[in-house]
Structure formats: C-alpha cells, structure tokens
C-alpha cells in the first residue's frame, strides 16, 4: 500500500511548461486537482487502515500478555502451594521422627541410668564378699581349709567382676549411642527449622498479590543494582544465585536423615532392651551366686556343728576314760604298795633263817617256800609296775588326745563363730537392687543409694 502511495503523482508532477499568461489565471487543471484529492483520500485510508491494524495488534498483545501475567501469577501461586504441601509433609515427618527419636533416647537414658545404678549396686555384694573373706582368713589351724564356702565365694567374686566389666562396656556403648542420637536430633531440628523458615517464606510469598500496597520486597543482594544481563561473577552479592539443589535432591536429603534416624532408633531400642536384659541377668546371676554361697555357708556351719558335736562326744569319752584310767592307776599303785609288806616280811624271814647254825641250815621246804614267795612277790610287783607304766603312758596319751580334742573344738568353735555370727548375718539380705523403690522422695529413683534419706532400706 505504501508502494502504491509512493507511485502516485503529485500536482507538481503535472506541471509542465506554461505560458506566462496562463500563470496569471491558474496553476493546475481540474484533472490535476481531482487527482490530488483522490490521492489524499487514498493515502488517508491507507494510514487509517495501518493504524487500525497496529491498534488491533497491540490490543491483542496487551490481552495476551495480560493473560500471561495472570497465568504466571496463578501458576506461581499454585507451585508455591504445592511446595508448601511438600514442605509441610516433610516438616510433619521430621516432627514425628524427632518426637520418636527423643522418646527412644529418653528410654535409653533411663536404661543407662539403670546400668549406672546396677554397676554401683555390684559394689555392695563385692564389699560383703571382701568382709567375709577377711573374717574367714581369721580361721585357725586346720580350719584354714579351702572348703565349699571358699569356692562359692570365689565364684561369687568372679561373677560380680564379670558383670561389672559387661555393665561398664554396655554403659559406654549407651553413652556413645546417646551422643549420636543427640547429634541426629540437632541435625533433624536444624532441618525442621529450615523447613519452618521455608514454609514461612513460601507462605508470605504466596500471599503477595497485585493488590499488595507498598514496595514489593526485593532480595537484599539485589536492592542496589538489580539483576542485569551478562555472566554472573563469582562471589558477587548483587547477582541472584539460582539454587543448584533440585527438588528430588532436597527431598532425598530429608528422607536420608529420617532413614538414618530410624536406623538409629532401631539400634537405640535394641540397646535399651539389651541393657534392661543385662541388668536383669546381672541381678539374677549375682543373686544365684549369692544364694549358692549362703547355702554352702549354712551347710558348712551345719557340718562344723556336727563335727564339733562328735569331737565333743570323743572328748567326753576321753575324759571318762582318763578318769577310769586314773582310778586304775591308783588301784595299781595300791596293789603294788600292798605287796611291799609281804615282800619285806618274806625277805626278813629268809634273813632270819640265814642265821641258823651250820648244821641246821638246809635247803628245806620253808626255805624253798620263802624263796618262792619272794620270787612271786617280786614278779608280781614287776608286772604291776609294768602295768602301771603302761597305764601312766596311756594316761599321758589320753591327756594329749584331750588337749587335741579341746583345741580342735576351739578351732571349730572359732570357725562356727566366724561363719555363723559374722559372715551369715551380713548375708541375710541380698544387697542388690535395680530400683531404689523409695516413694517418699523422687531423687532416690535417680540416685545410686539412699544414703541421704531415711528410706535406706530398698525393696
């Protein structure tokens, strides 16, 4: 259309050579005048059509871009809402996981406190073992025997030491696990705080609209110079940085944290259960060893009392025999003394007969009788003296036996006194308790002993 316009002739194009007299009357012909008008009309129509086309095209562009803006706002709002739902989902998952991990950690802390309490409680039977060992080392003589009580005490000590080692190792493992749980809680709380902050920012961003009054918020790094074209300079605070992390990576980070926390909770629950079982096993086995020692101690006391009773019976019989032997010795001495006078008489008679005249002295019957009497009396006295020596020697042996029996009774009485009046009363109650059991004060349940309270007896 512009080409048509440019191809039209103006009024000046029809002016040729004119006569001077013509220039005075007119300048253009009617045909030229009409052609000029037609050209003006035509050009006006063309320009109007062009303007209308431009106006229609601009109106269409305005409408389209207005739709684009509305769609962009709605799309951004929808995406923000969708993002908020994702953030809320992971926020709730994190809250739930934090709550579960905190509860399981508290259970493990309680189990660790029980382990610590149980470990401290093992010192109580160990102290009693040391006292019993100290008392029993005061036994005397042959009573220093490695009896069943001694073996049971050694087994009890080995059991206590073994469980002390196991409890210490498990206590350290619980402490390490609690520290790991605390680090995981810090990590989850940090992620949760980030989610809370992101949710707040997304909510504020979604609430922004075209009707919002006042200046729109601009990132601090863009308030001065704004975003311009060109490549981003590293470390330039005035250029908007596009996050490198994608949505999938963002979700995987929280999912991985939750998965790690779940595995840690599984380990925590296993460790808490193992700690409780370990405490129960410790108190069961130590109590079993304790009761075995008590049984051995009671049996030993009964055995000692029976032996002491039998030794006392032998002592009584020995004393009775010594009394009878004393009477027998007295009888022997009396019998020997009774034969001294007849022997002296017989010797006097034979001495008198030795003074007979030579003619009258002979080996007659009276002389023979006197000699026989003297021989019999001397032989009898010799036999009685030998019997007296034997009786006196036997009496000395009985006296030694009496002393030995009395000493043995003293030793056994000492052993019975040690086991029955010193060791056994210490072991009347098993001094190992998983719980304080005090209802009067709350601090007892967390303390190792009730030393500072009136409720010292635990059940």
Protein backbone atom coordinates (compact mmCIF):
# COMPACT_ATOMS: atom_id res chain seq x y z
CA UNK A 1 0.00 0.00 0.00
CA UNK A 2 2.92 2.33 0.68
CA UNK A 3 4.32 1.37 -2.64
CA UNK A 4 1.07 2.46 -4.29
CA UNK A 5 1.27 5.71 -2.46
CA UNK A 6 4.80 6.29 -3.49
CA UNK A 7 3.87 5.57 -7.09
CA UNK A 8 1.17 8.29 -7.23
CA UNK A 9 1.87 11.58 -8.84
CA UNK A 10 1.52 14.83 -7.03
CA UNK A 11 0.12 18.01 -8.53
CA UNK A 12 3.58 19.30 -9.15
CA UNK A 13 4.35 16.29 -11.31
CA UNK A 14 1.74 17.52 -13.90
CA UNK A 15 3.14 20.98 -14.19
CA UNK A 16 4.86 21.41 -17.48
CA UNK A 17 5.87 24.37 -19.37
CA UNK A 18 3.27 27.06 -19.02
CA UNK A 19 2.69 30.19 -20.79
CA UNK A 20 3.22 33.23 -18.83
CA UNK A 21 -0.33 34.40 -19.37
CA UNK A 22 -1.56 31.03 -18.06
CA UNK A 23 0.37 31.50 -14.81
CA UNK A 24 -1.61 34.60 -14.12
CA UNK A 25 -5.03 32.92 -14.27
CA UNK A 26 -4.50 29.28 -12.80
CA UNK A 27 -1.86 26.91 -11.73
CA UNK A 28 -3.39 23.41 -12.01
CA UNK A 29 -6.01 21.84 -14.13
CA UNK A 30 -9.20 20.36 -12.67
CA UNK A 31 -7.98 16.93 -13.52
CA UNK A 32 -4.88 17.51 -11.53
CA UNK A 33 -6.87 18.90 -8.69
CA UNK A 34 -9.21 15.91 -8.66
CA UNK A 35 -6.27 13.52 -8.86
CA UNK A 36 -4.61 15.23 -5.93
CA UNK A 37 -7.75 14.88 -3.83
CA UNK A 38 -8.10 11.25 -4.74
CA UNK A 39 -4.51 10.64 -3.75
CA UNK A 40 -5.05 12.34 -0.42
CA UNK A 41 -8.17 10.27 0.22
CA UNK A 42 -6.40 7.11 -0.71
CA UNK A 43 -3.39 7.89 1.47
CA UNK A 44 -5.63 8.75 4.45
CA UNK A 45 -7.48 5.44 4.04
CA UNK A 46 -4.23 3.54 3.92
CA UNK A 47 -2.79 5.24 7.01
CA UNK A 48 -6.04 4.72 8.92
CA UNK A 49 -6.08 1.05 8.00
CA UNK A 50 -2.47 0.74 9.03
CA UNK A 51 -3.17 2.50 12.35
CA UNK A 52 -6.20 0.30 12.96
CA UNK A 53 -4.14 -2.81 12.23
CA UNK A 54 -1.43 -1.65 14.61
CA UNK A 55 -4.06 -0.84 17.24
CA UNK A 56 -5.75 -4.22 16.86
CA UNK A 57 -2.39 -5.99 17.05
CA UNK A 58 -1.41 -4.01 20.16
CA UNK A 59 -4.76 -4.73 21.80
CA UNK A 60 -4.29 -8.41 21.08
CA UNK A 61 -0.76 -8.31 22.53
CA UNK A 62 -2.00 -6.47 25.62
CA UNK A 63 -4.72 -9.06 26.12
CA UNK A 64 -2.35 -11.94 25.56
CA UNK A 65 0.32 -10.59 27.90
CA UNK A 66 -2.29 -9.77 30.50
CA UNK A 67 -3.37 -13.42 30.33
CA UNK A 68 0.26 -14.45 30.55
CA UNK A 69 0.72 -12.35 33.68
CA UNK A 70 -2.42 -13.74 35.28
CA UNK A 71 -1.47 -17.27 34.36
CA UNK A 72 2.05 -16.67 35.67
CA UNK A 73 0.70 -15.36 38.98
CA UNK A 74 -1.72 -18.25 39.30
CA UNK A 75 0.90 -20.74 38.24
CA UNK A 76 3.41 -19.32 40.74
CA UNK A 77 0.74 -19.38 43.45
CA UNK A 78 -0.14 -22.99 42.61
CA UNK A 79 3.50 -24.01 42.61
CA UNK A 80 4.06 -22.22 45.91
CA UNK A 81 1.05 -24.02 47.41
CA UNK A 82 2.35 -27.30 46.06
CA UNK A 83 5.77 -26.51 47.50
CA UNK A 84 4.20 -25.67 50.85
CA UNK A 85 2.42 -29.02 50.85
CA UNK A 86 5.72 -30.77 50.21
CA UNK A 87 7.44 -28.74 52.92
CA UNK A 88 4.57 -29.39 55.34
CA UNK A 89 4.74 -33.11 54.59
CA UNK A 90 8.44 -33.32 55.35
CA UNK A 91 8.00 -30.97 58.29
CA UNK A 92 5.44 -33.32 59.84
CA UNK A 93 7.66 -36.29 59.05
CA UNK A 94 10.57 -34.56 60.76
CA UNK A 95 8.43 -33.62 63.77
CA UNK A 96 7.23 -37.18 64.11
CA UNK A 97 10.74 -38.55 63.75
CA UNK A 98 12.15 -36.02 66.24
CA UNK A 99 9.43 -36.92 68.73
CA UNK A 100 10.06 -40.65 68.29
CA UNK A 101 13.84 -40.27 68.48
CA UNK A 102 13.57 -38.09 71.57
CA UNK A 103 11.30 -40.62 73.28
CA UNK A 104 13.58 -43.53 72.40
CA UNK A 105 16.58 -41.53 73.57
CA UNK A 106 14.84 -40.86 76.89
CA UNK A 107 14.23 -44.60 77.22
CA UNK A 108 17.91 -45.23 76.54
CA UNK A 109 18.89 -42.53 79.05
CA UNK A 110 16.73 -44.33 81.62
CA UNK A 111 18.37 -47.63 80.68
CA UNK A 112 21.80 -46.04 81.01
CA UNK A 113 20.82 -44.70 84.43
CA UNK A 114 19.71 -48.21 85.38
CA UNK A 115 23.02 -49.58 84.15
CA UNK A 116 24.90 -46.99 86.16
CA UNK A 117 22.76 -47.83 89.18
CA UNK A 118 23.26 -51.57 88.68
CA UNK A 119 27.02 -51.10 88.26
CA UNK A 120 27.16 -49.18 91.53
CA UNK A 121 24.99 -51.82 93.20
CA UNK A 122 27.50 -54.54 92.33
CA UNK A 123 29.93 -52.91 94.76
CA UNK A 124 27.63 -53.79 97.66
CA UNK A 125 27.85 -57.62 97.39
CA UNK A 126 31.53 -57.20 96.50
CA UNK A 127 32.14 -55.34 99.76
CA UNK A 128 30.35 -58.07 101.69
CA UNK A 129 32.44 -60.67 99.87
CA UNK A 130 35.61 -58.86 100.95
CA UNK A 131 34.39 -58.69 104.55
CA UNK A 132 33.50 -62.40 104.56
CA UNK A 133 36.90 -63.21 103.07
CA UNK A 134 38.60 -61.07 105.72
CA UNK A 135 36.64 -62.78 108.50
CA UNK A 136 37.32 -66.28 107.19
CA UNK A 137 41.04 -65.57 106.91
CA UNK A 138 41.00 -65.39 110.71
CA UNK A 139 40.26 -69.09 111.00
CA UNK A 140 42.92 -71.06 112.84
CA UNK A 141 44.97 -74.16 112.21
CA UNK A 142 43.45 -76.97 110.23
CA UNK A 143 40.27 -74.94 109.77
CA UNK A 144 42.04 -72.87 107.10
CA UNK A 145 40.68 -75.31 104.57
CA UNK A 146 39.59 -74.49 101.03
CA UNK A 147 36.05 -75.64 101.64
CA UNK A 148 32.86 -75.27 99.61
CA UNK A 149 32.25 -71.83 101.11
CA UNK A 150 35.62 -70.64 99.88
CA UNK A 151 34.91 -71.99 96.39
CA UNK A 152 31.46 -70.37 96.36
CA UNK A 153 32.91 -67.03 97.46
CA UNK A 154 35.49 -67.17 94.67
CA UNK A 155 32.74 -67.99 92.15
CA UNK A 156 30.68 -65.11 93.52
CA UNK A 157 33.60 -62.72 93.10
CA UNK A 158 34.21 -63.90 89.53
CA UNK A 159 30.53 -63.45 88.70
CA UNK A 160 30.46 -59.92 90.11
CA UNK A 161 33.67 -58.90 88.33
CA UNK A 162 32.45 -60.38 85.07
CA UNK A 163 29.16 -58.49 85.20
CA UNK A 164 30.93 -55.30 86.24
CA UNK A 165 33.02 -55.50 83.07
CA UNK A 166 29.96 -56.19 80.92
CA UNK A 167 27.98 -53.37 82.55
CA UNK A 168 30.84 -50.90 82.07
CA UNK A 169 31.20 -51.80 78.38
CA UNK A 170 27.46 -51.52 77.79
CA UNK A 171 27.35 -48.26 79.72
CA UNK A 172 29.98 -46.78 77.40
CA UNK A 173 28.07 -48.05 74.36
CA UNK A 174 24.86 -46.42 75.64
CA UNK A 175 26.70 -43.15 76.22
CA UNK A 176 28.08 -43.21 72.66
CA UNK A 177 24.62 -44.03 71.26
CA UNK A 178 23.00 -41.21 73.25
CA UNK A 179 25.61 -38.76 71.91
CA UNK A 180 24.92 -39.97 68.37
CA UNK A 181 21.18 -39.58 68.95
CA UNK A 182 21.73 -36.06 70.22
CA UNK A 183 23.73 -35.19 67.13
CA UNK A 184 20.97 -36.67 64.99
CA UNK A 185 18.37 -34.64 66.91
CA UNK A 186 20.36 -31.49 66.24
CA UNK A 187 20.50 -32.39 62.57
CA UNK A 188 16.77 -33.07 62.40
CA UNK A 189 15.96 -29.91 64.36
CA UNK A 190 18.14 -27.91 62.02
CA UNK A 191 16.32 -29.40 59.04
CA UNK A 192 12.98 -28.75 60.75
CA UNK A 193 13.89 -25.13 61.46
CA UNK A 194 14.89 -24.73 57.83
CA UNK A 195 11.54 -26.21 56.80
CA UNK A 196 9.70 -23.86 59.18
CA UNK A 197 11.56 -20.88 57.79
CA UNK A 198 11.00 -22.01 54.22
CA UNK A 199 7.32 -22.56 54.93
CA UNK A 200 7.00 -19.09 56.43
CA UNK A 201 8.78 -17.52 53.46
CA UNK A 202 6.69 -19.51 50.97
CA UNK A 203 3.50 -18.52 52.77
CA UNK A 204 4.48 -14.87 52.73
CA UNK A 205 5.46 -15.16 49.07
CA UNK A 206 2.15 -16.77 48.18
CA UNK A 207 0.21 -14.02 49.98
CA UNK A 208 1.84 -11.35 47.81
CA UNK A 209 -0.52 -10.15 45.06
CA UNK A 210 -1.10 -7.21 42.74
CA UNK A 211 -3.20 -5.51 45.41
CA UNK A 212 -0.37 -5.52 47.92
CA UNK A 213 0.36 -1.98 48.99
CA UNK A 214 3.81 -0.55 49.29
CA UNK A 215 7.01 -1.58 47.58
CA UNK A 216 7.46 -5.21 46.78
CA UNK A 217 10.23 -6.95 48.76
CA UNK A 218 13.47 -7.32 46.88
CA UNK A 219 16.35 -9.56 47.97
CA UNK A 220 19.00 -7.57 49.81
CA UNK A 221 21.61 -8.59 47.31
CA UNK A 222 19.55 -7.02 44.51
CA UNK A 223 18.35 -3.78 46.09
CA UNK A 224 21.26 -1.69 44.86
CA UNK A 225 21.83 -2.65 41.26
CA UNK A 226 19.22 -5.22 40.47
CA UNK A 227 19.57 -8.16 38.12
CA UNK A 228 21.30 -7.36 34.85
CA UNK A 229 22.27 -9.41 31.90
CA UNK A 230 25.65 -10.90 31.49
CA UNK A 231 27.56 -13.63 33.20
CA UNK A 232 27.46 -13.95 36.96
CA UNK A 233 30.63 -13.05 38.77
CA UNK A 234 31.62 -15.47 41.47
CA UNK A 235 31.07 -14.00 44.96
CA UNK A 236 29.11 -11.06 43.58
CA UNK A 237 26.38 -10.32 46.15
CA UNK A 238 24.39 -8.26 43.67
CA UNK A 239 23.54 -11.14 41.39
CA UNK A 240 20.75 -13.56 42.19
CA UNK A 241 22.06 -17.08 42.69
CA UNK A 242 19.94 -19.91 41.34
CA UNK A 243 19.94 -22.86 43.80
CA UNK A 244 21.89 -25.82 42.49
CA UNK A 245 19.85 -28.35 44.53
CA UNK A 246 16.86 -29.84 42.76
CA UNK A 247 13.55 -30.85 44.35
CA UNK A 248 14.46 -34.53 44.22
CA UNK A 249 17.77 -33.90 45.95
CA UNK A 250 16.02 -31.71 48.51
CA UNK A 251 13.52 -34.48 49.34
CA UNK A 252 16.24 -37.11 49.37
CA UNK A 253 18.22 -35.12 51.96
CA UNK A 254 15.31 -35.15 54.43
CA UNK A 255 14.45 -38.73 53.54
CA UNK A 256 18.02 -39.81 54.15
CA UNK A 257 18.09 -38.03 57.52
CA UNK A 258 14.84 -39.72 58.56
CA UNK A 259 16.10 -43.10 57.38
CA UNK A 260 19.32 -42.69 59.36
CA UNK A 261 17.29 -41.61 62.39
CA UNK A 262 15.03 -44.66 62.05
CA UNK A 263 18.04 -46.96 61.94
CA UNK A 264 19.44 -45.19 64.99
CA UNK A 265 16.12 -45.60 66.78
CA UNK A 266 16.21 -49.30 65.95
CA UNK A 267 19.71 -49.55 67.41
CA UNK A 268 18.59 -47.48 70.40
CA UNK A 269 15.63 -49.76 71.12
CA UNK A 270 17.81 -52.85 70.79
CA UNK A 271 20.39 -51.31 73.10
CA UNK A 272 17.75 -50.29 75.65
CA UNK A 273 16.25 -53.79 75.63
CA UNK A 274 19.72 -55.31 75.89
CA UNK A 275 20.54 -53.00 78.80
CA UNK A 276 17.38 -53.99 80.66
CA UNK A 277 18.05 -57.69 80.00
CA UNK A 278 21.64 -57.18 81.08
CA UNK A 279 20.55 -55.63 84.37
CA UNK A 280 18.10 -58.46 84.98
CA UNK A 281 20.70 -61.05 84.03
CA UNK A 282 23.27 -59.44 86.30
CA UNK A 283 20.99 -59.38 89.32
CA UNK A 284 19.81 -62.94 88.58
CA UNK A 285 23.28 -64.46 88.23
CA UNK A 286 24.80 -62.50 91.11
CA UNK A 287 21.85 -63.42 93.29
CA UNK A 288 22.23 -67.07 92.27
CA UNK A 289 25.91 -66.99 93.24
CA UNK A 290 24.96 -65.19 96.45
CA UNK A 291 22.39 -67.84 97.35
CA UNK A 292 24.83 -70.64 96.48
CA UNK A 293 27.35 -69.11 98.87
CA UNK A 294 24.69 -68.78 101.56
CA UNK A 295 23.70 -72.42 101.04
CA UNK A 296 27.34 -73.51 101.22
CA UNK A 297 27.78 -71.38 104.33
CA UNK A 298 24.77 -72.92 106.05
CA UNK A 299 25.87 -76.41 105.07
CA UNK A 300 29.37 -75.68 106.32
CA UNK A 301 28.04 -74.38 109.64
CA UNK A 302 25.89 -77.49 109.99
CA UNK A 303 28.85 -79.70 109.11
CA UNK A 304 31.07 -77.90 111.61
CA UNK A 305 28.44 -78.19 114.33
CA UNK A 306 28.05 -81.91 113.61
CA UNK A 307 31.82 -82.44 113.66
CA UNK A 308 32.11 -80.36 116.81
CA UNK A 309 29.39 -82.46 118.42
CA UNK A 310 31.19 -85.66 117.50
CA UNK A 311 34.51 -84.26 118.74
CA UNK A 312 32.81 -83.26 121.98
CA UNK A 313 31.50 -86.80 122.35
CA UNK A 314 35.01 -88.13 121.85
CA UNK A 315 36.26 -85.60 124.37
CA UNK A 316 33.66 -86.69 126.89
CA UNK A 317 34.56 -90.32 126.35
CA UNK A 318 38.22 -89.45 126.61
CA UNK A 319 37.66 -87.60 129.87
CA UNK A 320 35.68 -90.53 131.21
CA UNK A 321 38.42 -92.90 130.12
CA UNK A 322 41.00 -90.65 131.76
CA UNK A 323 39.02 -90.73 134.97
CA UNK A 324 38.78 -94.51 134.78
CA UNK A 325 42.48 -94.69 133.94
CA UNK A 326 43.28 -92.52 136.96
CA UNK A 327 41.31 -94.92 139.15
CA UNK A 328 43.07 -97.85 137.52
CA UNK A 329 46.47 -96.26 138.18
CA UNK A 330 45.51 -95.69 141.80
CA UNK A 331 44.44 -99.33 142.06
CA UNK A 332 47.74 -100.44 140.54
CA UNK A 333 49.70 -98.26 142.95
CA UNK A 334 47.62 -99.59 145.86
CA UNK A 335 48.22 -103.15 144.72
CA UNK A 336 51.95 -102.52 144.41
CA UNK A 337 52.04 -100.90 147.83
CA UNK A 338 50.06 -103.83 149.24
CA UNK A 339 52.78 -106.28 148.10
CA UNK A 340 55.65 -104.33 149.65
CA UNK A 341 54.87 -105.51 153.24
CA UNK A 342 54.63 -109.25 152.39
CA UNK A 343 57.84 -108.96 150.37
CA UNK A 344 59.60 -107.27 153.27
CA UNK A 345 58.27 -109.95 155.59
CA UNK A 346 59.42 -112.77 153.36
CA UNK A 347 62.83 -111.16 152.97
CA UNK A 348 63.03 -110.71 156.79
CA UNK A 349 62.13 -114.36 157.33
CA UNK A 350 64.73 -115.64 154.91
CA UNK A 351 67.24 -113.28 156.51
CA UNK A 352 66.45 -114.72 159.94
CA UNK A 353 66.80 -118.29 158.60
CA UNK A 354 70.16 -117.39 157.24
CA UNK A 355 71.37 -117.16 160.89
CA UNK A 356 70.63 -120.85 161.60
CA UNK A 357 73.60 -122.93 162.76
CA UNK A 358 75.57 -124.60 160.03
CA UNK A 359 74.28 -127.95 160.94
CA UNK A 360 70.69 -126.78 160.98
CA UNK A 361 70.80 -124.69 157.82
CA UNK A 362 69.50 -126.63 154.87
CA UNK A 363 67.55 -126.15 151.67
CA UNK A 364 64.36 -127.27 153.31
CA UNK A 365 60.74 -126.72 152.46
CA UNK A 366 60.32 -123.48 154.43
CA UNK A 367 63.37 -122.02 152.74
CA UNK A 368 62.03 -123.03 149.35
CA UNK A 369 58.61 -121.59 150.24
CA UNK A 370 60.14 -118.29 151.30
CA UNK A 371 62.19 -118.11 148.12
CA UNK A 372 59.12 -118.90 146.05
CA UNK A 373 57.10 -116.29 147.95
CA UNK A 374 59.79 -113.66 147.37
CA UNK A 375 60.05 -114.56 143.69
CA UNK A 376 56.31 -114.46 143.24
CA UNK A 377 56.02 -111.15 145.06
CA UNK A 378 58.86 -109.56 143.08
CA UNK A 379 57.47 -110.90 139.81
CA UNK A 380 54.02 -109.61 140.73
CA UNK A 381 55.39 -106.20 141.64
CA UNK A 382 57.39 -106.09 138.42
CA UNK A 383 54.30 -106.98 136.43
CA UNK A 384 52.24 -104.42 138.29
CA UNK A 385 54.94 -101.77 137.75
CA UNK A 386 54.99 -102.51 134.04
CA UNK A 387 51.19 -102.25 134.03
CA UNK A 388 51.48 -99.00 135.97
CA UNK A 389 53.93 -97.61 133.44
CA UNK A 390 51.64 -98.67 130.64
CA UNK A 391 48.67 -97.14 132.39
CA UNK A 392 50.55 -93.90 133.03
CA UNK A 393 51.72 -93.80 129.41
CA UNK A 394 48.18 -94.40 128.27
CA UNK A 395 47.02 -91.67 130.62
CA UNK A 396 49.50 -89.28 129.02
CA UNK A 397 48.25 -90.26 125.58
CA UNK A 398 44.69 -89.67 126.74
CA UNK A 399 45.75 -86.30 128.08
CA UNK A 400 47.29 -85.39 124.73
CA UNK A 401 44.15 -86.57 122.96
CA UNK A 402 42.10 -84.48 125.36
CA UNK A 403 44.19 -81.43 124.60
CA UNK A 404 43.97 -82.05 120.88
CA UNK A 405 40.23 -82.52 121.07
CA UNK A 406 39.79 -79.40 123.16
CA UNK A 407 41.98 -77.44 120.73
CA UNK A 408 40.03 -78.87 117.80
CA UNK A 409 36.79 -77.88 119.48
CA UNK A 410 38.18 -74.38 120.00
CA UNK A 411 39.17 -74.15 116.33
CA UNK A 412 35.77 -75.33 115.19
CA UNK A 413 34.04 -73.00 117.63
CA UNK A 414 36.04 -70.13 116.16
CA UNK A 415 35.09 -71.19 112.62
CA UNK A 416 31.45 -71.55 113.59
CA UNK A 417 31.54 -68.15 115.25
CA UNK A 418 33.07 -66.56 112.14
CA UNK A 419 30.64 -68.19 109.71
CA UNK A 420 27.54 -68.06 111.88
CA UNK A 421 27.82 -64.82 113.80
CA UNK A 422 29.91 -62.69 111.41
CA UNK A 423 29.51 -63.85 107.81
CA UNK A 424 25.95 -65.15 107.81
CA UNK A 425 24.31 -62.03 109.33
CA UNK A 426 25.96 -59.88 106.66
CA UNK A 427 24.36 -62.08 104.02
CA UNK A 428 20.85 -62.15 105.46
CA UNK A 429 19.59 -59.77 102.73
CA UNK A 430 20.71 -59.64 99.10
CA UNK A 431 22.21 -56.11 98.74
CA UNK A 432 21.48 -55.61 95.04
CA UNK A 433 18.51 -53.60 93.82
CA UNK A 434 17.73 -52.40 90.33
CA UNK A 435 15.41 -49.72 91.69
CA UNK A 436 15.57 -47.68 94.81
CA UNK A 437 11.89 -48.23 95.43
CA UNK A 438 11.57 -45.11 97.54
CA UNK A 439 8.15 -43.49 97.36
CA UNK A 440 8.99 -40.67 99.75
CA UNK A 441 11.48 -38.81 97.60
CA UNK A 442 11.84 -38.58 93.84
CA UNK A 443 15.57 -38.07 93.99
CA UNK A 444 16.05 -41.60 95.28
CA UNK A 445 14.94 -43.06 91.99
CA UNK A 446 17.74 -41.26 90.19
CA UNK A 447 20.39 -41.59 92.89
CA UNK A 448 22.61 -44.61 93.34
CA UNK A 449 21.96 -45.01 97.03
CA UNK A 450 19.51 -43.69 99.58
CA UNK A 451 22.24 -42.58 101.94
CA UNK A 452 20.95 -39.07 102.44
CA UNK A 453 17.38 -40.12 103.15
CA UNK A 454 15.56 -42.03 105.86
CA UNK A 455 14.45 -44.68 103.38
CA UNK A 456 17.73 -46.59 103.31
CA UNK A 457 16.13 -49.97 103.00
CA UNK A 458 15.31 -50.67 99.39
CA UNK A 459 12.94 -53.32 98.13
